C-alpha cells in the first residue's frame, strides 16, 4: 500500500539482493527502477518446484526469475544488473544523483561531459524494449 501511495511523489528504487517469491514479488513491479544482483537475485510469484508439480516442466530459478529474465524480457520489471552487492549500491547511488527527492523539486543539475557532437545511433530504441516506427 505504501508503494502505491508514494508512486509519482518520490522516486521508488529497489535494490534486490536474494530471492523474493510470493506476494513479495509484486512490490518490484510497481517501483520506478529495479536493480538485481547477478547470480543471487531471483523474483517470482511461485518457484521452480511448484512449476514442476503443476506443469511437469523443469525450469531453473534463473530461467523463471533471474536477473537476465527480468532485464531482457519485454515488459519485465528489472532495469539494471549489478555484478555484486557493492556494485548494486554504487549503481543506485549514481541513479539517485540524477533524480529529484520528490515531485515538487527540479532534477539536480550536472555538468555534461559528453562531447556536443557525440552520436548514439537511434537513441529512441535504447529507451524502449520494442521497436517503434517513426514513419507512421
N, C-alpha and C. Protein backbone atom coordinates (compact mmCIF):
# COMPACT_ATOMS: atom_id res chain seq x y z
N UNK A 1 0.82 -1.19 0.00
CA UNK A 1 0.00 0.00 0.00
C UNK A 1 0.87 1.27 0.00
N UNK A 2 1.93 1.28 0.81
CA UNK A 2 2.79 2.46 0.86
C UNK A 2 3.42 2.74 -0.49
N UNK A 3 3.77 1.68 -1.21
CA UNK A 3 4.38 1.87 -2.54
C UNK A 3 3.44 2.62 -3.47
N UNK A 4 2.17 2.25 -3.45
CA UNK A 4 1.23 2.89 -4.37
C UNK A 4 0.94 4.33 -3.97
N UNK A 5 0.92 4.62 -2.68
CA UNK A 5 0.67 5.99 -2.23
C UNK A 5 1.83 6.92 -2.58
N UNK A 6 3.04 6.39 -2.61
CA UNK A 6 4.22 7.20 -2.92
C UNK A 6 4.49 7.29 -4.41
N UNK A 7 3.80 6.49 -5.22
CA UNK A 7 4.05 6.47 -6.65
C UNK A 7 3.81 7.84 -7.28
N UNK A 8 4.80 8.33 -8.00
CA UNK A 8 4.70 9.63 -8.63
C UNK A 8 5.06 10.79 -7.72
N UNK A 9 5.29 10.50 -6.44
CA UNK A 9 5.62 11.54 -5.48
C UNK A 9 7.11 11.50 -5.15
N UNK A 10 7.61 10.34 -4.79
CA UNK A 10 9.04 10.15 -4.53
C UNK A 10 9.56 9.03 -5.42
N UNK A 11 10.81 9.09 -5.87
CA UNK A 11 11.35 8.00 -6.69
C UNK A 11 11.36 6.70 -5.89
N UNK A 12 10.86 5.65 -6.50
CA UNK A 12 10.83 4.34 -5.85
C UNK A 12 11.84 3.43 -6.53
N UNK A 13 12.98 3.22 -5.87
CA UNK A 13 14.04 2.38 -6.42
C UNK A 13 14.21 1.18 -5.52
N UNK A 14 14.46 0.02 -6.11
CA UNK A 14 14.59 -1.21 -5.34
C UNK A 14 15.93 -1.87 -5.64
N UNK A 15 16.73 -2.07 -4.62
CA UNK A 15 17.93 -2.88 -4.72
C UNK A 15 17.56 -4.28 -4.28
N UNK A 16 17.66 -5.22 -5.18
CA UNK A 16 17.16 -6.57 -4.94
C UNK A 16 18.32 -7.52 -4.69
N UNK A 17 18.45 -8.00 -3.44
CA UNK A 17 19.54 -8.89 -3.05
C UNK A 17 18.94 -10.19 -2.52
N UNK A 18 18.98 -11.25 -3.29
CA UNK A 18 18.45 -12.52 -2.82
C UNK A 18 17.19 -12.92 -3.55
N UNK A 19 16.41 -13.82 -2.94
CA UNK A 19 15.21 -14.36 -3.58
C UNK A 19 13.96 -13.73 -3.00
N UNK A 20 13.06 -13.30 -3.88
CA UNK A 20 11.75 -12.79 -3.49
C UNK A 20 10.72 -13.66 -4.20
N UNK A 21 9.80 -14.22 -3.41
CA UNK A 21 8.74 -15.02 -4.03
C UNK A 21 7.43 -14.77 -3.32
N UNK A 22 6.37 -15.19 -3.96
CA UNK A 22 5.04 -14.97 -3.38
C UNK A 22 4.62 -13.53 -3.52
N UNK A 23 3.88 -13.04 -2.52
CA UNK A 23 3.39 -11.66 -2.58
C UNK A 23 4.51 -10.63 -2.64
N UNK A 24 5.66 -10.94 -2.10
CA UNK A 24 6.79 -10.03 -2.16
C UNK A 24 7.25 -9.76 -3.57
N UNK A 25 6.93 -10.65 -4.49
CA UNK A 25 7.30 -10.48 -5.89
C UNK A 25 6.50 -9.41 -6.61
N UNK A 26 5.40 -8.96 -6.00
CA UNK A 26 4.59 -7.93 -6.64
C UNK A 26 5.17 -6.52 -6.44
N UNK A 27 5.80 -6.28 -5.31
CA UNK A 27 6.29 -4.93 -5.00
C UNK A 27 7.28 -4.40 -6.04
N UNK A 28 8.24 -5.20 -6.50
CA UNK A 28 9.16 -4.67 -7.51
C UNK A 28 8.46 -4.23 -8.80
N UNK A 29 7.31 -4.78 -9.08
CA UNK A 29 6.60 -4.44 -10.31
C UNK A 29 6.09 -3.01 -10.32
N UNK A 30 5.96 -2.40 -9.14
CA UNK A 30 5.45 -1.03 -9.10
C UNK A 30 6.51 -0.01 -8.67
N UNK A 31 7.77 -0.42 -8.68
CA UNK A 31 8.84 0.54 -8.42
C UNK A 31 9.26 1.19 -9.73
N UNK A 32 9.90 2.34 -9.61
CA UNK A 32 10.36 3.04 -10.81
C UNK A 32 11.57 2.37 -11.43
N UNK A 33 12.49 1.90 -10.59
CA UNK A 33 13.71 1.25 -11.06
C UNK A 33 14.01 0.05 -10.17
N UNK A 34 14.33 -1.07 -10.79
CA UNK A 34 14.68 -2.28 -10.04
C UNK A 34 16.09 -2.71 -10.43
N UNK A 35 16.93 -2.85 -9.43
CA UNK A 35 18.31 -3.29 -9.59
C UNK A 35 18.41 -4.72 -9.08
N UNK A 36 18.99 -5.61 -9.87
CA UNK A 36 19.17 -7.00 -9.45
C UNK A 36 20.65 -7.35 -9.47
N UNK A 37 21.05 -8.26 -8.59
CA UNK A 37 22.44 -8.69 -8.50
C UNK A 37 22.60 -10.02 -9.24
N UNK A 38 23.56 -10.08 -10.14
CA UNK A 38 23.82 -11.29 -10.92
C UNK A 38 24.08 -12.48 -9.99
N UNK A 39 23.52 -13.61 -10.33
CA UNK A 39 23.73 -14.89 -9.64
C UNK A 39 23.17 -14.97 -8.23
N UNK A 40 22.52 -13.92 -7.72
CA UNK A 40 21.94 -14.01 -6.38
C UNK A 40 20.51 -13.49 -6.30
N UNK A 41 20.06 -12.70 -7.26
CA UNK A 41 18.71 -12.12 -7.22
C UNK A 41 17.75 -12.95 -8.05
N UNK A 42 16.63 -13.31 -7.44
CA UNK A 42 15.57 -14.06 -8.12
C UNK A 42 14.23 -13.51 -7.67
N UNK A 43 13.30 -13.35 -8.60
CA UNK A 43 12.00 -12.80 -8.31
C UNK A 43 10.94 -13.61 -9.04
N UNK A 44 10.02 -14.21 -8.29
CA UNK A 44 8.91 -14.91 -8.92
C UNK A 44 7.77 -15.08 -7.94
N UNK A 45 6.57 -15.28 -8.50
CA UNK A 45 5.39 -15.48 -7.66
C UNK A 45 5.40 -16.88 -7.08
N UNK A 46 5.85 -17.83 -7.85
CA UNK A 46 5.99 -19.20 -7.36
C UNK A 46 7.28 -19.79 -7.91
N UNK A 47 7.87 -20.72 -7.20
CA UNK A 47 9.19 -21.23 -7.55
C UNK A 47 9.20 -22.40 -8.50
N UNK A 48 10.39 -22.84 -8.88
CA UNK A 48 10.55 -23.94 -9.82
C UNK A 48 9.90 -25.25 -9.37
N UNK A 49 9.88 -25.52 -8.06
CA UNK A 49 9.27 -26.76 -7.58
C UNK A 49 7.78 -26.80 -7.86
N UNK A 50 7.10 -25.68 -7.67
CA UNK A 50 5.66 -25.63 -7.93
C UNK A 50 5.40 -25.75 -9.43
N UNK A 51 6.21 -25.10 -10.24
CA UNK A 51 6.06 -25.22 -11.69
C UNK A 51 6.20 -26.67 -12.11
N UNK A 52 7.18 -27.38 -11.55
CA UNK A 52 7.39 -28.80 -11.86
C UNK A 52 6.17 -29.63 -11.47
N UNK A 53 5.62 -29.38 -10.29
CA UNK A 53 4.48 -30.14 -9.80
C UNK A 53 3.23 -29.89 -10.66
N UNK A 54 2.99 -28.64 -11.02
CA UNK A 54 1.77 -28.29 -11.72
C UNK A 54 1.85 -28.55 -13.22
N UNK A 55 2.96 -28.19 -13.85
CA UNK A 55 3.05 -28.29 -15.32
C UNK A 55 3.95 -29.40 -15.80
N UNK A 56 4.68 -30.03 -14.87
CA UNK A 56 5.66 -31.07 -15.20
C UNK A 56 6.81 -30.56 -16.05
N UNK A 57 7.03 -29.24 -16.02
CA UNK A 57 8.15 -28.63 -16.73
C UNK A 57 9.30 -28.40 -15.76
N UNK A 58 10.51 -28.65 -16.25
CA UNK A 58 11.70 -28.33 -15.48
C UNK A 58 12.14 -26.92 -15.84
N UNK A 59 12.24 -26.07 -14.85
CA UNK A 59 12.67 -24.70 -15.07
C UNK A 59 13.59 -24.32 -13.92
N UNK A 60 14.65 -23.61 -14.23
CA UNK A 60 15.59 -23.20 -13.18
C UNK A 60 15.17 -21.86 -12.59
N UNK A 61 15.75 -21.52 -11.45
CA UNK A 61 15.48 -20.21 -10.84
C UNK A 61 15.89 -19.09 -11.79
N UNK A 62 17.00 -19.27 -12.49
CA UNK A 62 17.46 -18.24 -13.43
C UNK A 62 16.46 -18.04 -14.57
N UNK A 63 15.97 -19.14 -15.13
CA UNK A 63 15.03 -19.04 -16.24
C UNK A 63 13.70 -18.44 -15.80
N UNK A 64 13.27 -18.79 -14.61
CA UNK A 64 11.97 -18.35 -14.12
C UNK A 64 11.99 -16.90 -13.63
N UNK A 65 13.03 -16.51 -12.92
CA UNK A 65 13.00 -15.17 -12.34
C UNK A 65 14.35 -14.57 -12.04
N UNK A 66 15.38 -14.97 -12.78
CA UNK A 66 16.72 -14.42 -12.57
C UNK A 66 16.89 -13.06 -13.20
N UNK A 67 18.02 -12.43 -12.94
CA UNK A 67 18.27 -11.09 -13.47
C UNK A 67 18.20 -10.99 -14.99
N UNK A 68 18.70 -11.98 -15.69
CA UNK A 68 18.65 -11.92 -17.15
C UNK A 68 17.21 -12.00 -17.65
N UNK A 69 16.40 -12.82 -17.03
CA UNK A 69 14.99 -12.91 -17.42
C UNK A 69 14.29 -11.59 -17.19
N UNK A 70 14.46 -11.01 -16.03
CA UNK A 70 13.74 -9.79 -15.69
C UNK A 70 14.30 -8.54 -16.36
N UNK A 71 15.47 -8.61 -16.92
CA UNK A 71 16.04 -7.45 -17.61
C UNK A 71 16.04 -7.59 -19.11
N UNK A 72 15.62 -8.74 -19.64
CA UNK A 72 15.66 -8.92 -21.08
C UNK A 72 14.30 -9.20 -21.69
N UNK A 73 13.36 -9.68 -20.92
CA UNK A 73 12.04 -9.98 -21.45
C UNK A 73 11.24 -8.69 -21.53
N UNK A 74 10.57 -8.50 -22.67
CA UNK A 74 9.78 -7.29 -22.85
C UNK A 74 8.75 -7.14 -21.74
N UNK A 75 8.59 -5.94 -21.25
CA UNK A 75 7.66 -5.58 -20.20
C UNK A 75 7.96 -6.27 -18.86
N UNK A 76 9.18 -6.60 -18.63
CA UNK A 76 9.55 -7.19 -17.36
C UNK A 76 9.86 -6.09 -16.35
N UNK A 77 10.19 -6.45 -15.12
CA UNK A 77 10.32 -5.45 -14.07
C UNK A 77 11.76 -5.06 -13.74
N UNK A 78 12.75 -5.75 -14.28
CA UNK A 78 14.14 -5.41 -13.99
C UNK A 78 14.63 -4.31 -14.90
N UNK A 79 15.53 -3.50 -14.37
CA UNK A 79 16.10 -2.41 -15.18
C UNK A 79 17.62 -2.43 -15.22
N UNK A 80 18.26 -2.91 -14.15
CA UNK A 80 19.72 -2.90 -14.08
C UNK A 80 20.21 -4.20 -13.45
N UNK A 81 21.38 -4.69 -13.91
CA UNK A 81 22.02 -5.87 -13.32
C UNK A 81 23.38 -5.44 -12.79
N UNK A 82 23.58 -5.68 -11.50
CA UNK A 82 24.87 -5.38 -10.86
C UNK A 82 25.67 -6.67 -10.74
N UNK A 83 26.98 -6.54 -10.69
CA UNK A 83 27.84 -7.71 -10.58
C UNK A 83 27.87 -8.29 -9.16
N UNK A 84 27.73 -7.43 -8.16
CA UNK A 84 27.71 -7.88 -6.76
C UNK A 84 26.97 -6.83 -5.94
N UNK A 85 26.82 -7.07 -4.63
CA UNK A 85 26.06 -6.16 -3.78
C UNK A 85 26.65 -4.75 -3.77
N UNK A 86 27.96 -4.64 -3.67
CA UNK A 86 28.60 -3.33 -3.64
C UNK A 86 28.37 -2.57 -4.95
N UNK A 87 28.43 -3.27 -6.06
CA UNK A 87 28.17 -2.66 -7.36
C UNK A 87 26.72 -2.18 -7.43
N UNK A 88 25.81 -2.94 -6.86
CA UNK A 88 24.40 -2.56 -6.84
C UNK A 88 24.19 -1.26 -6.08
N UNK A 89 24.80 -1.14 -4.91
CA UNK A 89 24.69 0.08 -4.12
C UNK A 89 25.28 1.26 -4.89
N UNK A 90 26.43 1.06 -5.54
CA UNK A 90 27.05 2.13 -6.33
C UNK A 90 26.13 2.58 -7.45
N UNK A 91 25.50 1.62 -8.15
CA UNK A 91 24.61 1.94 -9.25
C UNK A 91 23.38 2.71 -8.77
N UNK A 92 22.82 2.31 -7.64
CA UNK A 92 21.65 3.01 -7.08
C UNK A 92 22.03 4.44 -6.73
N UNK A 93 23.17 4.62 -6.08
CA UNK A 93 23.61 5.97 -5.71
C UNK A 93 23.80 6.84 -6.95
N UNK A 94 24.38 6.26 -7.99
CA UNK A 94 24.59 7.03 -9.22
C UNK A 94 23.25 7.45 -9.82
N UNK A 95 22.30 6.52 -9.91
CA UNK A 95 20.98 6.87 -10.46
C UNK A 95 20.31 7.93 -9.61
N UNK A 96 20.35 7.77 -8.29
CA UNK A 96 19.68 8.73 -7.41
C UNK A 96 20.27 10.14 -7.54
N UNK A 97 21.53 10.23 -7.94
CA UNK A 97 22.14 11.55 -8.10
C UNK A 97 21.53 12.32 -9.27
N UNK A 98 20.80 11.64 -10.15
CA UNK A 98 20.14 12.28 -11.28
C UNK A 98 18.69 12.66 -11.00
N UNK A 99 18.13 12.16 -9.90
CA UNK A 99 16.70 12.32 -9.64
C UNK A 99 16.42 13.35 -8.54
N UNK A 100 15.28 14.05 -8.64
CA UNK A 100 14.89 14.92 -7.54
C UNK A 100 14.41 14.08 -6.35
N UNK A 101 14.35 14.68 -5.18
CA UNK A 101 13.90 13.96 -3.98
C UNK A 101 12.40 13.68 -4.01
N UNK A 102 11.63 14.52 -4.71
CA UNK A 102 10.18 14.32 -4.80
C UNK A 102 9.66 15.05 -6.03
N UNK A 103 8.34 15.01 -6.23
CA UNK A 103 7.75 15.58 -7.44
C UNK A 103 7.63 17.10 -7.41
N UNK A 104 8.05 17.73 -6.32
CA UNK A 104 7.99 19.19 -6.24
C UNK A 104 9.36 19.83 -6.48
N UNK A 105 10.38 19.04 -6.56
CA UNK A 105 11.73 19.55 -6.79
C UNK A 105 12.12 19.39 -8.25
N UNK A 106 13.02 20.25 -8.69
CA UNK A 106 13.63 20.08 -10.00
C UNK A 106 14.71 19.01 -9.90
N UNK A 107 15.00 18.38 -11.00
CA UNK A 107 16.10 17.40 -11.03
C UNK A 107 17.42 18.11 -10.76
N UNK A 108 18.37 17.44 -10.12
CA UNK A 108 19.68 18.06 -9.88
C UNK A 108 20.34 18.44 -11.21
N UNK A 109 21.04 19.55 -11.21
CA UNK A 109 21.77 19.98 -12.40
C UNK A 109 23.18 19.43 -12.32
N UNK A 110 23.66 18.93 -13.45
CA UNK A 110 25.00 18.37 -13.51
C UNK A 110 25.69 18.89 -14.76
N UNK A 111 26.99 18.99 -14.70
CA UNK A 111 27.77 19.40 -15.86
C UNK A 111 27.81 18.22 -16.83
N UNK A 112 27.49 18.49 -18.09
CA UNK A 112 27.52 17.44 -19.11
C UNK A 112 28.95 17.27 -19.61
N UNK A 113 29.42 16.04 -19.57
CA UNK A 113 30.78 15.75 -20.01
C UNK A 113 30.82 15.12 -21.40
N UNK A 114 29.65 14.93 -22.01
CA UNK A 114 29.61 14.37 -23.36
C UNK A 114 30.02 15.42 -24.37
N UNK A 115 30.76 15.00 -25.41
CA UNK A 115 31.07 15.94 -26.49
C UNK A 115 29.77 16.36 -27.19
N UNK A 116 29.70 17.61 -27.62
CA UNK A 116 28.47 18.11 -28.22
C UNK A 116 28.11 17.40 -29.52
N UNK A 117 29.09 16.82 -30.21
CA UNK A 117 28.83 16.16 -31.48
C UNK A 117 28.75 14.63 -31.34
N UNK A 118 28.57 14.13 -30.12
CA UNK A 118 28.51 12.68 -29.91
C UNK A 118 27.29 12.09 -30.61
N UNK A 119 27.47 10.96 -31.26
CA UNK A 119 26.38 10.26 -31.93
C UNK A 119 26.12 8.95 -31.21
N UNK A 120 24.84 8.62 -31.02
CA UNK A 120 24.49 7.36 -30.34
C UNK A 120 23.66 6.44 -31.21
N UNK A 121 23.46 6.80 -32.46
CA UNK A 121 22.59 5.98 -33.29
C UNK A 121 21.14 6.32 -32.98
N UNK A 122 20.30 5.33 -32.99
CA UNK A 122 18.89 5.54 -32.71
C UNK A 122 18.65 5.44 -31.21
N UNK A 123 18.79 6.53 -30.50
CA UNK A 123 18.67 6.50 -29.04
C UNK A 123 17.27 6.19 -28.58
N UNK A 124 16.27 6.39 -29.41
CA UNK A 124 14.90 6.05 -29.01
C UNK A 124 14.79 4.55 -28.74
N UNK A 125 15.39 3.72 -29.57
CA UNK A 125 15.33 2.28 -29.36
C UNK A 125 16.03 1.87 -28.05
N UNK A 126 17.02 2.64 -27.61
CA UNK A 126 17.72 2.31 -26.38
C UNK A 126 16.76 2.41 -25.19
N UNK A 127 15.84 3.36 -25.23
CA UNK A 127 14.92 3.57 -24.12
C UNK A 127 13.72 2.63 -24.16
N UNK A 128 13.41 2.08 -25.32
CA UNK A 128 12.26 1.21 -25.45
C UNK A 128 12.70 -0.24 -25.53
N UNK A 129 11.84 -1.14 -25.13
CA UNK A 129 12.15 -2.55 -25.20
C UNK A 129 11.64 -3.19 -26.49
N UNK A 130 10.89 -2.44 -27.28
CA UNK A 130 10.43 -2.96 -28.56
C UNK A 130 10.59 -1.87 -29.61
N UNK A 131 10.77 -2.27 -30.87
CA UNK A 131 10.98 -1.27 -31.92
C UNK A 131 9.72 -0.44 -32.16
N UNK A 132 9.92 0.81 -32.60
CA UNK A 132 8.80 1.65 -32.95
C UNK A 132 9.01 2.18 -34.36
N UNK A 133 7.93 2.54 -35.01
CA UNK A 133 8.01 3.12 -36.35
C UNK A 133 7.92 4.62 -36.23
N UNK A 134 8.88 5.32 -36.81
CA UNK A 134 8.86 6.78 -36.79
C UNK A 134 8.20 7.35 -38.02
N UNK A 135 7.72 6.48 -38.93
CA UNK A 135 7.11 6.94 -40.17
C UNK A 135 5.60 6.94 -40.12
N UNK A 136 4.99 6.38 -39.10
CA UNK A 136 3.51 6.34 -39.06
C UNK A 136 2.95 7.34 -38.09
